[in-house]
Amino acid sequence: MGREQLLDVTSRLVAWINTANVDAASLLSMCTKEIVVPIPYPGSTPDFDGLISVTNNSHIAFPDFKMTIKDQIIDEKESRVVLLLNVTGTQAGYVLLHVSKCSEWLGIPGSGKKSDVQGFMYTKVYPLQLLLSVDRPRNWIDC
């Protein structure tokens, strides 16, 4: 797969993640339901439904959630892309339907504080399938 095709797939994935109204059909235009997320976020499953869930929950917990590509490394021979990402948002926590207060996001109570972090996304693109690992900074050394 060529450089432009690889960058197109990963750029579309980041654009999908940035969309507040999570749409499974749009994700299916980039990958199959058999997607594997090797390092899922705590509490999510390492599959298609888990990716949808964590993306939706990110937008609930951070209403102004935004992921921006800062740099990319593309390996055409192995069809791999590593993205350096900047992720920003204001942490509101989850709003529970039966409670007016915000609950927590990954164990941290909603604070109303802004966050601005960098992380990596490693993507292996196969014909008709995408393998994705969103690697949070605390896990980077373990890889």
N, C-alpha and C. Protein backbone atom coordinates (compact mmCIF):
# COMPACT_ATOMS: atom_id res chain seq x y z
N MET A 1 0.85 -1.17 0.00
CA MET A 1 0.00 0.00 0.00
C MET A 1 0.90 1.23 0.00
N GLY A 2 0.56 2.23 -0.79
CA GLY A 2 1.37 3.43 -0.93
C GLY A 2 1.23 4.40 0.23
N ARG A 3 2.19 5.30 0.31
CA ARG A 3 2.24 6.31 1.38
C ARG A 3 0.94 7.11 1.48
N GLU A 4 0.45 7.59 0.37
CA GLU A 4 -0.77 8.41 0.39
C GLU A 4 -1.98 7.61 0.86
N GLN A 5 -2.08 6.35 0.45
CA GLN A 5 -3.20 5.50 0.87
C GLN A 5 -3.13 5.25 2.38
N LEU A 6 -1.94 4.95 2.87
CA LEU A 6 -1.78 4.71 4.31
C LEU A 6 -2.14 5.95 5.12
N LEU A 7 -1.65 7.09 4.68
CA LEU A 7 -1.95 8.33 5.39
C LEU A 7 -3.43 8.67 5.30
N ASP A 8 -4.06 8.37 4.18
CA ASP A 8 -5.50 8.62 4.02
C ASP A 8 -6.31 7.80 5.03
N VAL A 9 -5.99 6.50 5.17
CA VAL A 9 -6.73 5.65 6.10
C VAL A 9 -6.58 6.16 7.53
N THR A 10 -5.35 6.45 7.93
CA THR A 10 -5.14 6.89 9.31
C THR A 10 -5.70 8.29 9.56
N SER A 11 -5.64 9.17 8.57
CA SER A 11 -6.23 10.51 8.72
C SER A 11 -7.74 10.43 8.84
N ARG A 12 -8.36 9.54 8.06
CA ARG A 12 -9.81 9.35 8.16
C ARG A 12 -10.19 8.76 9.51
N LEU A 13 -9.35 7.88 10.05
CA LEU A 13 -9.61 7.31 11.37
C LEU A 13 -9.57 8.39 12.44
N VAL A 14 -8.56 9.26 12.39
CA VAL A 14 -8.47 10.36 13.36
C VAL A 14 -9.68 11.29 13.21
N ALA A 15 -10.09 11.58 11.98
CA ALA A 15 -11.27 12.42 11.76
C ALA A 15 -12.52 11.75 12.34
N TRP A 16 -12.62 10.43 12.19
CA TRP A 16 -13.76 9.70 12.77
C TRP A 16 -13.74 9.80 14.29
N ILE A 17 -12.58 9.62 14.88
CA ILE A 17 -12.45 9.71 16.34
C ILE A 17 -12.83 11.11 16.83
N ASN A 18 -12.54 12.14 16.04
CA ASN A 18 -12.85 13.52 16.42
C ASN A 18 -14.33 13.87 16.28
N THR A 19 -15.11 13.04 15.62
CA THR A 19 -16.52 13.34 15.41
C THR A 19 -17.33 12.95 16.64
N ALA A 20 -18.03 13.92 17.20
CA ALA A 20 -18.76 13.70 18.46
C ALA A 20 -19.89 12.68 18.30
N ASN A 21 -20.55 12.66 17.15
CA ASN A 21 -21.63 11.70 16.92
C ASN A 21 -21.03 10.43 16.33
N VAL A 22 -20.66 9.50 17.20
CA VAL A 22 -19.97 8.28 16.79
C VAL A 22 -20.89 7.47 15.88
N ASP A 23 -20.37 7.13 14.71
CA ASP A 23 -21.15 6.43 13.69
C ASP A 23 -20.42 5.15 13.28
N ALA A 24 -21.00 4.00 13.66
CA ALA A 24 -20.38 2.71 13.36
C ALA A 24 -20.27 2.48 11.86
N ALA A 25 -21.24 2.93 11.08
CA ALA A 25 -21.19 2.73 9.63
C ALA A 25 -19.98 3.44 9.01
N SER A 26 -19.65 4.62 9.51
CA SER A 26 -18.48 5.34 9.01
C SER A 26 -17.20 4.59 9.34
N LEU A 27 -17.14 4.01 10.54
CA LEU A 27 -15.95 3.24 10.92
C LEU A 27 -15.82 2.01 10.01
N LEU A 28 -16.94 1.40 9.65
CA LEU A 28 -16.92 0.23 8.77
C LEU A 28 -16.41 0.57 7.37
N SER A 29 -16.39 1.84 7.00
CA SER A 29 -15.83 2.22 5.71
C SER A 29 -14.30 2.18 5.74
N MET A 30 -13.71 2.07 6.95
CA MET A 30 -12.26 2.04 7.10
C MET A 30 -11.74 0.70 7.58
N CYS A 31 -12.58 -0.09 8.24
CA CYS A 31 -12.12 -1.36 8.80
C CYS A 31 -13.28 -2.34 8.87
N THR A 32 -12.95 -3.57 9.21
CA THR A 32 -13.98 -4.59 9.38
C THR A 32 -14.37 -4.68 10.86
N LYS A 33 -15.44 -5.40 11.11
CA LYS A 33 -15.87 -5.61 12.50
C LYS A 33 -14.87 -6.47 13.27
N GLU A 34 -13.93 -7.09 12.56
CA GLU A 34 -12.93 -7.95 13.20
C GLU A 34 -11.69 -7.16 13.64
N ILE A 35 -11.78 -5.84 13.69
CA ILE A 35 -10.66 -5.01 14.13
C ILE A 35 -10.17 -5.47 15.51
N VAL A 36 -8.87 -5.38 15.72
CA VAL A 36 -8.28 -5.75 17.00
C VAL A 36 -7.58 -4.52 17.57
N VAL A 37 -7.88 -4.20 18.82
CA VAL A 37 -7.21 -3.10 19.53
C VAL A 37 -6.33 -3.76 20.59
N PRO A 38 -5.01 -3.94 20.29
CA PRO A 38 -4.14 -4.68 21.20
C PRO A 38 -4.01 -4.09 22.60
N ILE A 39 -4.10 -2.78 22.74
CA ILE A 39 -4.00 -2.16 24.06
C ILE A 39 -5.27 -1.32 24.28
N PRO A 40 -6.36 -1.97 24.69
CA PRO A 40 -7.61 -1.21 24.87
C PRO A 40 -7.55 -0.35 26.13
N TYR A 41 -8.36 0.69 26.15
CA TYR A 41 -8.48 1.51 27.35
C TYR A 41 -9.11 0.66 28.45
N PRO A 42 -8.79 0.95 29.71
CA PRO A 42 -9.40 0.20 30.82
C PRO A 42 -10.91 0.24 30.73
N GLY A 43 -11.53 -0.90 30.91
CA GLY A 43 -12.99 -0.99 30.88
C GLY A 43 -13.58 -1.16 29.50
N SER A 44 -12.75 -1.15 28.45
CA SER A 44 -13.29 -1.35 27.10
C SER A 44 -12.79 -2.68 26.55
N THR A 45 -13.48 -3.18 25.56
CA THR A 45 -13.10 -4.45 24.94
C THR A 45 -12.15 -4.17 23.77
N PRO A 46 -11.29 -5.13 23.43
CA PRO A 46 -10.29 -4.92 22.38
C PRO A 46 -10.82 -5.20 20.98
N ASP A 47 -12.00 -4.67 20.67
CA ASP A 47 -12.63 -4.99 19.40
C ASP A 47 -13.39 -3.78 18.85
N PHE A 48 -14.15 -4.01 17.79
CA PHE A 48 -14.92 -2.97 17.11
C PHE A 48 -15.84 -2.23 18.09
N ASP A 49 -16.62 -2.99 18.85
CA ASP A 49 -17.55 -2.36 19.80
C ASP A 49 -16.82 -1.58 20.88
N GLY A 50 -15.67 -2.09 21.31
CA GLY A 50 -14.87 -1.37 22.31
C GLY A 50 -14.34 -0.05 21.77
N LEU A 51 -13.91 -0.04 20.49
CA LEU A 51 -13.43 1.21 19.89
C LEU A 51 -14.55 2.23 19.79
N ILE A 52 -15.73 1.78 19.41
CA ILE A 52 -16.88 2.68 19.35
C ILE A 52 -17.22 3.20 20.75
N SER A 53 -17.23 2.30 21.73
CA SER A 53 -17.58 2.69 23.09
C SER A 53 -16.60 3.70 23.67
N VAL A 54 -15.29 3.43 23.55
CA VAL A 54 -14.31 4.34 24.14
C VAL A 54 -14.32 5.69 23.41
N THR A 55 -14.57 5.69 22.11
CA THR A 55 -14.65 6.96 21.37
C THR A 55 -15.87 7.75 21.82
N ASN A 56 -17.00 7.09 21.94
CA ASN A 56 -18.21 7.75 22.40
C ASN A 56 -18.03 8.28 23.82
N ASN A 57 -17.46 7.46 24.69
CA ASN A 57 -17.24 7.88 26.09
C ASN A 57 -16.24 9.03 26.18
N SER A 58 -15.27 9.07 25.28
CA SER A 58 -14.31 10.19 25.26
C SER A 58 -15.03 11.50 24.99
N HIS A 59 -15.98 11.46 24.06
CA HIS A 59 -16.72 12.69 23.73
C HIS A 59 -17.70 13.09 24.82
N ILE A 60 -18.20 12.11 25.57
CA ILE A 60 -19.08 12.43 26.70
C ILE A 60 -18.25 13.05 27.82
N ALA A 61 -17.12 12.42 28.13
CA ALA A 61 -16.27 12.89 29.23
C ALA A 61 -15.55 14.19 28.89
N PHE A 62 -15.24 14.38 27.62
CA PHE A 62 -14.54 15.59 27.13
C PHE A 62 -15.35 16.16 25.98
N PRO A 63 -16.36 16.98 26.24
CA PRO A 63 -17.23 17.48 25.18
C PRO A 63 -16.50 18.21 24.04
N ASP A 64 -15.35 18.79 24.34
CA ASP A 64 -14.57 19.50 23.31
C ASP A 64 -13.35 18.68 22.88
N PHE A 65 -13.43 17.37 22.99
CA PHE A 65 -12.36 16.44 22.64
C PHE A 65 -11.85 16.69 21.22
N LYS A 66 -10.53 16.76 21.08
CA LYS A 66 -9.94 16.92 19.75
C LYS A 66 -8.58 16.25 19.70
N MET A 67 -8.37 15.45 18.66
CA MET A 67 -7.11 14.75 18.42
C MET A 67 -6.50 15.38 17.16
N THR A 68 -5.24 15.82 17.26
CA THR A 68 -4.56 16.47 16.14
C THR A 68 -3.28 15.73 15.82
N ILE A 69 -3.08 15.44 14.54
CA ILE A 69 -1.85 14.78 14.10
C ILE A 69 -0.73 15.81 14.08
N LYS A 70 0.34 15.54 14.84
CA LYS A 70 1.50 16.44 14.88
C LYS A 70 2.61 15.96 13.95
N ASP A 71 2.76 14.65 13.82
CA ASP A 71 3.80 14.08 12.96
C ASP A 71 3.41 12.64 12.64
N GLN A 72 3.99 12.11 11.58
CA GLN A 72 3.71 10.73 11.21
C GLN A 72 4.95 10.07 10.63
N ILE A 73 5.06 8.77 10.89
CA ILE A 73 6.10 7.95 10.30
C ILE A 73 5.38 6.86 9.53
N ILE A 74 5.70 6.72 8.25
CA ILE A 74 5.00 5.78 7.39
C ILE A 74 5.98 4.75 6.85
N ASP A 75 5.67 3.49 7.06
CA ASP A 75 6.46 2.37 6.54
C ASP A 75 5.63 1.69 5.46
N GLU A 76 5.89 2.05 4.19
CA GLU A 76 5.11 1.50 3.08
C GLU A 76 5.29 0.00 2.94
N LYS A 77 6.49 -0.49 3.15
CA LYS A 77 6.77 -1.91 2.97
C LYS A 77 5.94 -2.78 3.91
N GLU A 78 5.82 -2.36 5.16
CA GLU A 78 5.08 -3.11 6.18
C GLU A 78 3.66 -2.59 6.37
N SER A 79 3.26 -1.55 5.63
CA SER A 79 1.92 -0.94 5.75
C SER A 79 1.62 -0.50 7.18
N ARG A 80 2.59 0.21 7.77
CA ARG A 80 2.43 0.70 9.14
C ARG A 80 2.53 2.21 9.18
N VAL A 81 1.77 2.80 10.09
CA VAL A 81 1.81 4.24 10.30
C VAL A 81 1.86 4.48 11.81
N VAL A 82 2.80 5.32 12.24
CA VAL A 82 2.86 5.76 13.63
C VAL A 82 2.57 7.25 13.62
N LEU A 83 1.56 7.64 14.39
CA LEU A 83 1.19 9.04 14.47
C LEU A 83 1.55 9.59 15.84
N LEU A 84 2.14 10.77 15.86
CA LEU A 84 2.31 11.53 17.10
C LEU A 84 1.09 12.42 17.17
N LEU A 85 0.33 12.30 18.24
CA LEU A 85 -0.94 13.02 18.36
C LEU A 85 -0.93 13.97 19.55
N ASN A 86 -1.64 15.06 19.39
CA ASN A 86 -1.92 15.96 20.50
C ASN A 86 -3.42 15.84 20.76
N VAL A 87 -3.78 15.56 22.00
CA VAL A 87 -5.18 15.38 22.36
C VAL A 87 -5.54 16.43 23.41
N THR A 88 -6.59 17.19 23.12
CA THR A 88 -7.04 18.23 24.04
C THR A 88 -8.52 18.04 24.37
N GLY A 89 -8.93 18.61 25.47
CA GLY A 89 -10.33 18.58 25.86
C GLY A 89 -10.49 19.05 27.30
N THR A 90 -11.73 19.34 27.66
CA THR A 90 -12.07 19.75 29.02
C THR A 90 -12.82 18.61 29.68
N GLN A 91 -12.28 18.08 30.78
CA GLN A 91 -12.84 16.89 31.39
C GLN A 91 -14.10 17.19 32.21
N ALA A 92 -15.21 16.69 31.69
CA ALA A 92 -16.47 16.83 32.40
C ALA A 92 -16.84 15.55 33.14
N GLY A 93 -16.24 14.42 32.78
CA GLY A 93 -16.63 13.12 33.32
C GLY A 93 -17.87 12.63 32.61
N TYR A 94 -18.34 11.45 32.96
CA TYR A 94 -19.58 10.94 32.38
C TYR A 94 -20.75 11.57 33.09
N VAL A 95 -21.79 11.91 32.36
CA VAL A 95 -23.02 12.38 32.97
C VAL A 95 -23.96 11.19 33.03
N LEU A 96 -24.28 10.76 34.22
CA LEU A 96 -25.17 9.62 34.39
C LEU A 96 -26.61 10.06 34.19
N LEU A 97 -27.42 9.21 33.61
CA LEU A 97 -28.81 9.56 33.31
C LEU A 97 -29.63 9.83 34.56
N HIS A 98 -29.36 9.10 35.64
CA HIS A 98 -30.18 9.24 36.84
C HIS A 98 -29.53 10.12 37.91
N VAL A 99 -28.38 10.68 37.63
CA VAL A 99 -27.68 11.52 38.59
C VAL A 99 -27.27 12.81 37.88
N SER A 100 -27.44 13.94 38.53
CA SER A 100 -27.10 15.21 37.88
C SER A 100 -25.61 15.52 37.93
N LYS A 101 -24.86 14.87 38.82
CA LYS A 101 -23.43 15.13 38.92
C LYS A 101 -22.66 14.31 37.89
N CYS A 102 -21.47 14.73 37.57
CA CYS A 102 -20.61 13.99 36.68
C CYS A 102 -19.92 12.87 37.45
N SER A 103 -19.70 11.76 36.80
CA SER A 103 -18.93 10.69 37.42
C SER A 103 -17.49 10.76 36.91
N GLU A 104 -16.79 9.65 36.89
CA GLU A 104 -15.37 9.69 36.59
C GLU A 104 -15.03 9.24 35.16
N TRP A 105 -13.84 9.58 34.73
CA TRP A 105 -13.27 9.12 33.47
C TRP A 105 -11.98 8.38 33.82
N LEU A 106 -11.95 7.08 33.58
CA LEU A 106 -10.79 6.24 33.90
C LEU A 106 -10.33 6.44 35.34
N GLY A 107 -11.30 6.55 36.25
CA GLY A 107 -10.98 6.66 37.67
C GLY A 107 -10.76 8.08 38.17
N ILE A 108 -10.84 9.07 37.30
CA ILE A 108 -10.61 10.45 37.71
C ILE A 108 -11.94 11.20 37.66
N PRO A 109 -12.39 11.76 38.79
CA PRO A 109 -13.67 12.48 38.81
C PRO A 109 -13.65 13.67 37.85
N GLY A 110 -14.80 13.96 37.27
CA GLY A 110 -14.93 15.13 36.39
C GLY A 110 -14.49 16.38 37.12
N SER A 111 -13.62 17.15 36.49
CA SER A 111 -13.03 18.30 37.18
C SER A 111 -13.30 19.63 36.49
N GLY A 112 -13.69 19.59 35.23
CA GLY A 112 -13.84 20.83 34.47
C GLY A 112 -12.51 21.40 34.00
N LYS A 113 -11.42 20.69 34.28
CA LYS A 113 -10.09 21.17 33.88
C LYS A 113 -9.78 20.77 32.44
N LYS A 114 -8.98 21.61 31.81
CA LYS A 114 -8.54 21.33 30.44
C LYS A 114 -7.35 20.38 30.48
N SER A 115 -7.31 19.50 29.49
CA SER A 115 -6.15 18.62 29.36
C SER A 115 -5.53 18.83 27.99
N ASP A 116 -4.24 18.61 27.92
CA ASP A 116 -3.48 18.77 26.68
C ASP A 116 -2.34 17.76 26.78
N VAL A 117 -2.49 16.62 26.11
CA VAL A 117 -1.50 15.54 26.21
C VAL A 117 -1.08 15.08 24.82
N GLN A 118 0.08 14.45 24.78
CA GLN A 118 0.56 13.86 23.54
C GLN A 118 0.63 12.35 23.71
N GLY A 119 0.41 11.64 22.62
CA GLY A 119 0.48 10.19 22.64
C GLY A 119 0.75 9.69 21.24
N PHE A 120 0.85 8.38 21.11
CA PHE A 120 1.14 7.76 19.84
C PHE A 120 0.01 6.83 19.44
N MET A 121 -0.21 6.71 18.16
CA MET A 121 -1.14 5.73 17.61
C MET A 121 -0.36 4.92 16.58
N TYR A 122 -0.31 3.62 16.82
CA TYR A 122 0.35 2.71 15.89
C TYR A 122 -0.74 2.01 15.10
N THR A 123 -0.66 2.08 13.78
CA THR A 123 -1.68 1.48 12.94
C THR A 123 -1.03 0.57 11.92
N LYS A 124 -1.51 -0.65 11.84
CA LYS A 124 -1.09 -1.61 10.82
C LYS A 124 -2.27 -1.76 9.89
N VAL A 125 -2.08 -1.44 8.62
CA VAL A 125 -3.17 -1.47 7.65
C VAL A 125 -3.03 -2.72 6.79
N TYR A 126 -4.06 -3.52 6.78
CA TYR A 126 -4.15 -4.70 5.94
C TYR A 126 -5.19 -4.43 4.88
N PRO A 127 -5.16 -5.15 3.78
CA PRO A 127 -6.27 -5.00 2.83
C PRO A 127 -7.58 -5.29 3.55
N LEU A 128 -8.47 -4.33 3.53
CA LEU A 128 -9.82 -4.43 4.11
C LEU A 128 -9.85 -4.56 5.62
N GLN A 129 -8.73 -4.32 6.31
CA GLN A 129 -8.75 -4.41 7.77
C GLN A 129 -7.76 -3.44 8.37
N LEU A 130 -8.04 -2.99 9.56
CA LEU A 130 -7.17 -2.06 10.26
C LEU A 130 -6.88 -2.61 11.65
N LEU A 131 -5.61 -2.68 12.01
CA LEU A 131 -5.23 -3.03 13.38
C LEU A 131 -4.80 -1.75 14.05
N LEU A 132 -5.30 -1.50 15.21
CA LEU A 132 -5.07 -0.20 15.84
C LEU A 132 -4.60 -0.38 17.27
N SER A 133 -3.63 0.41 17.64
CA SER A 133 -3.23 0.47 19.04
C SER A 133 -3.02 1.93 19.39
N VAL A 134 -3.87 2.46 20.25
CA VAL A 134 -3.67 3.81 20.73
C VAL A 134 -2.83 3.67 21.99
N ASP A 135 -1.58 4.07 21.90
CA ASP A 135 -0.64 3.85 22.99
C ASP A 135 -0.51 5.11 23.81
N ARG A 136 -0.98 5.03 25.02
CA ARG A 136 -0.90 6.17 25.91
C ARG A 136 0.53 6.32 26.42
N PRO A 137 0.96 7.53 26.72
CA PRO A 137 2.37 7.76 27.10
C PRO A 137 2.88 6.84 28.19
N ARG A 138 2.07 6.50 29.18
CA ARG A 138 2.56 5.65 30.26
C ARG A 138 2.91 4.26 29.78
N ASN A 139 2.37 3.83 28.63
CA ASN A 139 2.64 2.50 28.10
C ASN A 139 3.75 2.48 27.06
N TRP A 140 4.19 3.64 26.63
CA TRP A 140 5.14 3.70 25.52
C TRP A 140 6.43 2.95 25.83
N ILE A 141 6.94 3.05 27.03
CA ILE A 141 8.18 2.40 27.41
C ILE A 141 8.03 0.88 27.38
N ASP A 142 6.81 0.38 27.63
CA ASP A 142 6.58 -1.06 27.67
C ASP A 142 6.55 -1.70 26.29
N CYS A 143 6.45 -0.92 25.25
CA CYS A 143 6.31 -1.50 23.91
C CYS A 143 7.63 -1.99 23.37
